[in-house]
């Protein structure tokens, strides 16, 4: 009976040793995992701080860029005003000494500025804010103002001729341009009135043509301009020359450019 007891005692001791070994390994593994967790937390915290610093740096840089852009806009505006003042002063000086009877000759105009070929050409080359003041704020002739704005935006909305010799507007082109300008789809009557104003203002510069693609299709009306005329709308050659005087129904230009009268709508 004594021998079996000794055998059992030996097995129990061995089992206890194995259990202690497993417990020790688990404790070691737990310590390692805890250490790794602490290291990961420290790494994450360090990265978080780095990201916050980078975000703050980006925010500061964006703020500086915005400030610089605002400053550039201010400088450009100041520069434009300065140029206008200088051009106006120069034009007035030349007009003061010039014989008004010879002003019909384009070569004698202030700073070599050419006279306008039509009311549309004249108004398109004046400052747009002044045109808006004249036709919208002072005389409630918005259709005239919109016609001028649409004409100036021909590079965006008009169709170029395939040979590059000119451009043309369809009523669809005009509707698209007015939608972009007004921020909403224009009323059909508005499209019709602006179309008529664009034709009236253009005089000989704007011609009406009809195009029919196929026999089954209705012919479309086109408002056409030569490329030289269209590009002339973008010259801004009357800015700063003080040629625009808001009066009831007419705009006198001091002899520098043909007198524009009878503008309605």
Protein backbone atom coordinates (compact mmCIF):
# COMPACT_ATOMS: atom_id res chain seq x y z
CA UNK A 1 0.00 0.00 0.00
CA UNK A 2 2.89 2.35 0.64
CA UNK A 3 4.30 2.18 -2.89
CA UNK A 4 1.17 3.39 -4.69
CA UNK A 5 0.91 6.34 -2.32
CA UNK A 6 4.42 7.39 -3.22
CA UNK A 7 3.61 7.12 -6.95
CA UNK A 8 0.55 9.31 -6.64
CA UNK A 9 2.50 11.86 -4.67
CA UNK A 10 5.10 12.03 -7.42
CA UNK A 11 2.50 12.60 -10.17
CA UNK A 12 0.78 15.37 -8.17
CA UNK A 13 4.08 17.15 -7.72
CA UNK A 14 4.83 16.99 -11.45
CA UNK A 15 1.36 18.35 -12.28
CA UNK A 16 1.86 21.26 -9.93
CA UNK A 17 5.19 22.08 -11.54
CA UNK A 18 3.55 22.18 -14.99
CA UNK A 19 0.76 24.44 -13.71
CA UNK A 20 3.27 26.81 -12.16
CA UNK A 21 5.17 26.87 -15.45
CA UNK A 22 2.07 27.75 -17.46
CA UNK A 23 1.13 30.44 -14.98
CA UNK A 24 4.59 31.94 -15.22
CA UNK A 25 4.46 31.95 -19.04
CA UNK A 26 1.05 33.59 -19.06
CA UNK A 27 2.24 36.24 -16.63
CA UNK A 28 5.24 36.96 -18.81
CA UNK A 29 3.05 37.16 -21.94
CA UNK A 30 0.61 39.44 -20.16
CA UNK A 31 3.42 41.75 -19.13
CA UNK A 32 4.69 41.85 -22.73
CA UNK A 33 1.22 42.64 -24.07
CA UNK A 34 0.72 45.36 -21.50
CA UNK A 35 4.08 46.86 -22.39
CA UNK A 36 3.18 46.79 -26.09
CA UNK A 37 -0.19 48.40 -25.36
CA UNK A 38 1.51 51.18 -23.42
CA UNK A 39 3.95 51.66 -26.29
CA UNK A 40 1.11 51.79 -28.81
CA UNK A 41 -0.77 54.32 -26.71
CA UNK A 42 2.33 56.47 -26.46
CA UNK A 43 2.86 56.20 -30.23
CA UNK A 44 -0.77 57.09 -30.96
CA UNK A 45 -0.61 60.04 -28.59
CA UNK A 46 2.61 61.27 -30.18
CA UNK A 47 1.09 60.93 -33.66
CA UNK A 48 -2.04 62.73 -32.50
CA UNK A 49 0.03 65.64 -31.26
CA UNK A 50 1.99 65.67 -34.52
CA UNK A 51 -1.24 65.70 -36.56
CA UNK A 52 -2.66 68.52 -34.44
CA UNK A 53 0.49 70.55 -34.98
CA UNK A 54 0.33 69.88 -38.72
CA UNK A 55 -3.33 70.86 -38.83
CA UNK A 56 -2.56 74.07 -36.99
CA UNK A 57 0.28 74.75 -39.41
CA UNK A 58 -2.04 74.16 -42.36
CA UNK A 59 -4.67 76.41 -40.81
CA UNK A 60 -2.09 79.15 -40.29
CA UNK A 61 -0.84 78.78 -43.86
CA UNK A 62 -4.37 78.91 -45.29
CA UNK A 63 -5.05 82.01 -43.23
CA UNK A 64 -1.87 83.65 -44.52
CA UNK A 65 -2.74 82.67 -48.10
CA UNK A 66 -6.24 84.14 -47.73
CA UNK A 67 -4.77 87.31 -46.30
CA UNK A 68 -2.30 87.54 -49.19
CA UNK A 69 -5.07 86.92 -51.74
CA UNK A 70 -7.19 89.64 -50.17
CA UNK A 71 -4.20 91.95 -50.28
CA UNK A 72 -3.56 91.09 -53.93
CA UNK A 73 -7.21 91.82 -54.76
CA UNK A 74 -6.94 95.17 -52.97
CA UNK A 75 -3.73 96.02 -54.80
CA UNK A 76 -5.24 95.04 -58.15
CA UNK A 77 -8.32 97.16 -57.43
CA UNK A 78 -6.13 100.09 -56.39
CA UNK A 79 -3.98 99.61 -59.46
CA UNK A 80 -7.04 99.55 -61.72
CA UNK A 81 -8.38 102.71 -60.11
CA UNK A 82 -4.99 104.37 -60.52
CA UNK A 83 -4.83 103.42 -64.19
CA UNK A 84 -8.35 104.70 -64.75
CA UNK A 85 -7.56 107.99 -63.04
CA UNK A 86 -4.41 108.38 -65.11
CA UNK A 87 -6.19 107.54 -68.35
CA UNK A 88 -9.06 109.85 -67.49
CA UNK A 89 -6.71 112.71 -66.67
CA UNK A 90 -4.75 112.15 -69.85
CA UNK A 91 -7.91 111.97 -71.95
CA UNK A 92 -9.33 115.12 -70.41
CA UNK A 93 -6.07 116.95 -71.03
CA UNK A 94 -6.01 115.88 -74.67
CA UNK A 95 -9.68 116.71 -75.12
CA UNK A 96 -9.14 120.14 -73.61
CA UNK A 97 -6.51 121.05 -76.18
CA UNK A 98 -8.02 119.25 -79.16
CA UNK A 99 -10.26 120.89 -81.72
CA UNK A 100 -13.62 119.21 -81.26
CA UNK A 101 -14.31 119.58 -85.00
CA UNK A 102 -11.52 117.11 -85.73
CA UNK A 103 -12.63 114.50 -83.21
CA UNK A 104 -14.38 112.43 -85.85
CA UNK A 105 -10.96 111.36 -87.07
CA UNK A 106 -10.04 108.24 -85.08
CA UNK A 107 -6.33 109.10 -85.30
CA UNK A 108 -6.86 112.25 -83.23
CA UNK A 109 -8.91 110.62 -80.46
CA UNK A 110 -7.40 110.54 -76.94
CA UNK A 111 -4.67 107.95 -76.67
CA UNK A 112 -5.49 106.70 -80.15
CA UNK A 113 -8.80 105.21 -79.03
CA UNK A 114 -11.04 104.22 -81.92
CA UNK A 115 -14.67 105.40 -82.00
CA UNK A 116 -17.38 102.83 -81.43
CA UNK A 117 -18.97 101.15 -84.42
CA UNK A 118 -22.36 100.72 -82.70
CA UNK A 119 -24.11 101.39 -79.39
CA UNK A 120 -23.37 97.78 -78.45
CA UNK A 121 -19.67 98.28 -79.14
CA UNK A 122 -19.65 101.51 -77.13
CA UNK A 123 -21.48 100.22 -74.05
CA UNK A 124 -19.57 96.93 -74.02
CA UNK A 125 -16.31 98.87 -73.77
CA UNK A 126 -17.40 101.01 -70.81
CA UNK A 127 -17.16 99.82 -67.22
CA UNK A 128 -19.90 97.28 -66.58
CA UNK A 129 -20.80 98.71 -63.17
CA UNK A 130 -21.49 102.07 -64.85
CA UNK A 131 -23.62 100.39 -67.51
CA UNK A 132 -25.61 98.60 -64.82
CA UNK A 133 -26.09 101.86 -62.97
CA UNK A 134 -27.32 103.54 -66.15
CA UNK A 135 -29.69 100.87 -67.44
CA UNK A 136 -30.81 99.06 -64.29
CA UNK A 137 -30.60 101.41 -61.33
CA UNK A 138 -31.39 104.73 -63.01
CA UNK A 139 -33.73 103.92 -65.88
CA UNK A 140 -35.12 100.41 -65.33
CA UNK A 141 -33.99 99.14 -68.74
CA UNK A 142 -32.71 95.75 -67.63
CA UNK A 143 -33.18 94.13 -71.04
CA UNK A 144 -30.62 96.50 -72.54
CA UNK A 145 -28.15 95.74 -69.75
CA UNK A 146 -28.65 91.99 -70.14
CA UNK A 147 -28.17 92.21 -73.90
CA UNK A 148 -24.82 93.95 -73.38
CA UNK A 149 -23.75 91.37 -70.78
CA UNK A 150 -24.70 88.46 -73.03
CA UNK A 151 -22.83 89.98 -75.98
CA UNK A 152 -19.66 90.34 -73.88
CA UNK A 153 -19.87 86.69 -72.81
CA UNK A 154 -19.83 85.37 -76.37
CA UNK A 155 -16.62 83.35 -75.80
CA UNK A 156 -18.61 81.22 -73.32
CA UNK A 157 -21.99 80.91 -75.00
CA UNK A 158 -21.91 81.85 -78.69
CA UNK A 159 -21.04 79.46 -81.50
CA UNK A 160 -17.95 80.14 -83.60
CA UNK A 161 -18.15 79.79 -87.34
CA UNK A 162 -16.24 76.79 -88.63
CA UNK A 163 -13.86 79.03 -90.59
CA UNK A 164 -13.24 81.25 -87.54
CA UNK A 165 -14.49 84.38 -89.32
CA UNK A 166 -17.20 85.19 -86.79
CA UNK A 167 -19.70 84.04 -84.18
CA UNK A 168 -23.44 83.64 -83.89
CA UNK A 169 -26.11 83.34 -81.22
CA UNK A 170 -29.23 81.21 -81.52
CA UNK A 171 -32.13 81.75 -79.14
CA UNK A 172 -30.98 78.64 -77.30
CA UNK A 173 -27.53 80.17 -76.87
CA UNK A 174 -29.13 83.35 -75.61
CA UNK A 175 -31.28 81.45 -73.12
CA UNK A 176 -28.23 79.58 -71.78
CA UNK A 177 -26.28 82.83 -71.39
CA UNK A 178 -29.18 84.55 -69.62
CA UNK A 179 -29.60 81.58 -67.28
CA UNK A 180 -25.92 81.81 -66.33
CA UNK A 181 -26.17 85.58 -65.87
CA UNK A 182 -29.44 85.64 -63.93
CA UNK A 183 -28.94 82.44 -61.95
CA UNK A 184 -32.31 81.11 -63.10
CA UNK A 185 -34.13 80.21 -66.28
CA UNK A 186 -35.41 83.40 -67.98
CA UNK A 187 -39.01 83.90 -69.05
CA UNK A 188 -39.65 83.37 -72.76
CA UNK A 189 -40.70 87.00 -73.12
CA UNK A 190 -37.40 88.09 -71.56
CA UNK A 191 -35.48 86.04 -74.12
CA UNK A 192 -37.46 87.67 -76.93
CA UNK A 193 -36.86 91.20 -75.61
CA UNK A 194 -33.14 90.70 -74.99
CA UNK A 195 -32.84 89.21 -78.48
CA UNK A 196 -34.44 92.32 -79.96
CA UNK A 197 -32.25 94.62 -77.85
CA UNK A 198 -29.10 92.80 -78.92
CA UNK A 199 -30.12 93.26 -82.53
CA UNK A 200 -31.06 96.94 -82.08
CA UNK A 201 -27.91 97.84 -80.14
CA UNK A 202 -25.68 96.05 -82.63
CA UNK A 203 -26.87 98.06 -85.63
CA UNK A 204 -24.81 97.04 -88.65
CA UNK A 205 -22.46 95.06 -86.39
CA UNK A 206 -25.15 92.44 -85.72
CA UNK A 207 -26.92 90.77 -88.60
CA UNK A 208 -29.89 88.42 -88.59
CA UNK A 209 -29.57 85.25 -90.64
CA UNK A 210 -31.59 82.07 -90.97
CA UNK A 211 -30.21 78.56 -91.08
CA UNK A 212 -32.05 75.38 -91.97
CA UNK A 213 -30.24 72.08 -91.40
CA UNK A 214 -32.80 69.85 -93.11
CA UNK A 215 -36.04 70.19 -94.98
CA UNK A 216 -37.98 68.67 -92.09
CA UNK A 217 -36.64 71.22 -89.59
CA UNK A 218 -37.83 74.76 -89.06
CA UNK A 219 -35.22 77.40 -89.99
CA UNK A 220 -33.43 78.95 -87.01
CA UNK A 221 -32.70 82.65 -86.62
CA UNK A 222 -29.10 83.59 -85.91
CA UNK A 223 -27.59 86.84 -84.65
CA UNK A 224 -24.17 86.98 -86.27
CA UNK A 225 -21.07 89.12 -85.78
CA UNK A 226 -17.72 89.20 -87.53
CA UNK A 227 -14.83 88.07 -85.37
CA UNK A 228 -13.25 91.55 -85.37
CA UNK A 229 -16.52 93.01 -84.10
CA UNK A 230 -16.89 90.32 -81.43
CA UNK A 231 -13.32 90.72 -80.20
CA UNK A 232 -13.81 94.49 -80.14
CA UNK A 233 -16.49 94.04 -77.48
CA UNK A 234 -13.77 92.85 -75.09
CA UNK A 235 -11.27 95.69 -75.58
CA UNK A 236 -12.39 97.79 -72.55
CA UNK A 237 -11.05 100.77 -74.48
CA UNK A 238 -13.35 103.38 -72.92
CA UNK A 239 -12.57 102.57 -69.29
CA UNK A 240 -11.40 105.67 -67.50
CA UNK A 241 -12.25 108.05 -70.33
CA UNK A 242 -15.41 109.42 -68.68
CA UNK A 243 -17.39 109.12 -71.90
CA UNK A 244 -20.54 107.79 -70.31
CA UNK A 245 -23.06 110.28 -68.99
CA UNK A 246 -26.33 108.87 -67.71
CA UNK A 247 -29.15 110.92 -69.20
CA UNK A 248 -32.79 110.15 -69.86
CA UNK A 249 -32.73 108.19 -73.11
CA UNK A 250 -29.32 109.03 -74.52
CA UNK A 251 -25.61 108.89 -73.85
CA UNK A 252 -23.37 111.70 -75.09
CA UNK A 253 -19.71 110.96 -75.54
CA UNK A 254 -18.07 114.36 -75.92
CA UNK A 255 -17.10 113.82 -79.54
CA UNK A 256 -14.61 111.09 -78.70
CA UNK A 257 -16.91 108.37 -79.97
CA UNK A 258 -20.13 108.69 -81.98
CA UNK A 259 -23.10 109.99 -80.03
CA UNK A 260 -25.33 107.09 -79.00
CA UNK A 261 -29.00 107.99 -78.90
CA UNK A 262 -32.39 106.36 -78.78
CA UNK A 263 -31.43 103.47 -76.50
CA UNK A 264 -34.58 101.93 -75.09
CA UNK A 265 -35.73 98.68 -73.55
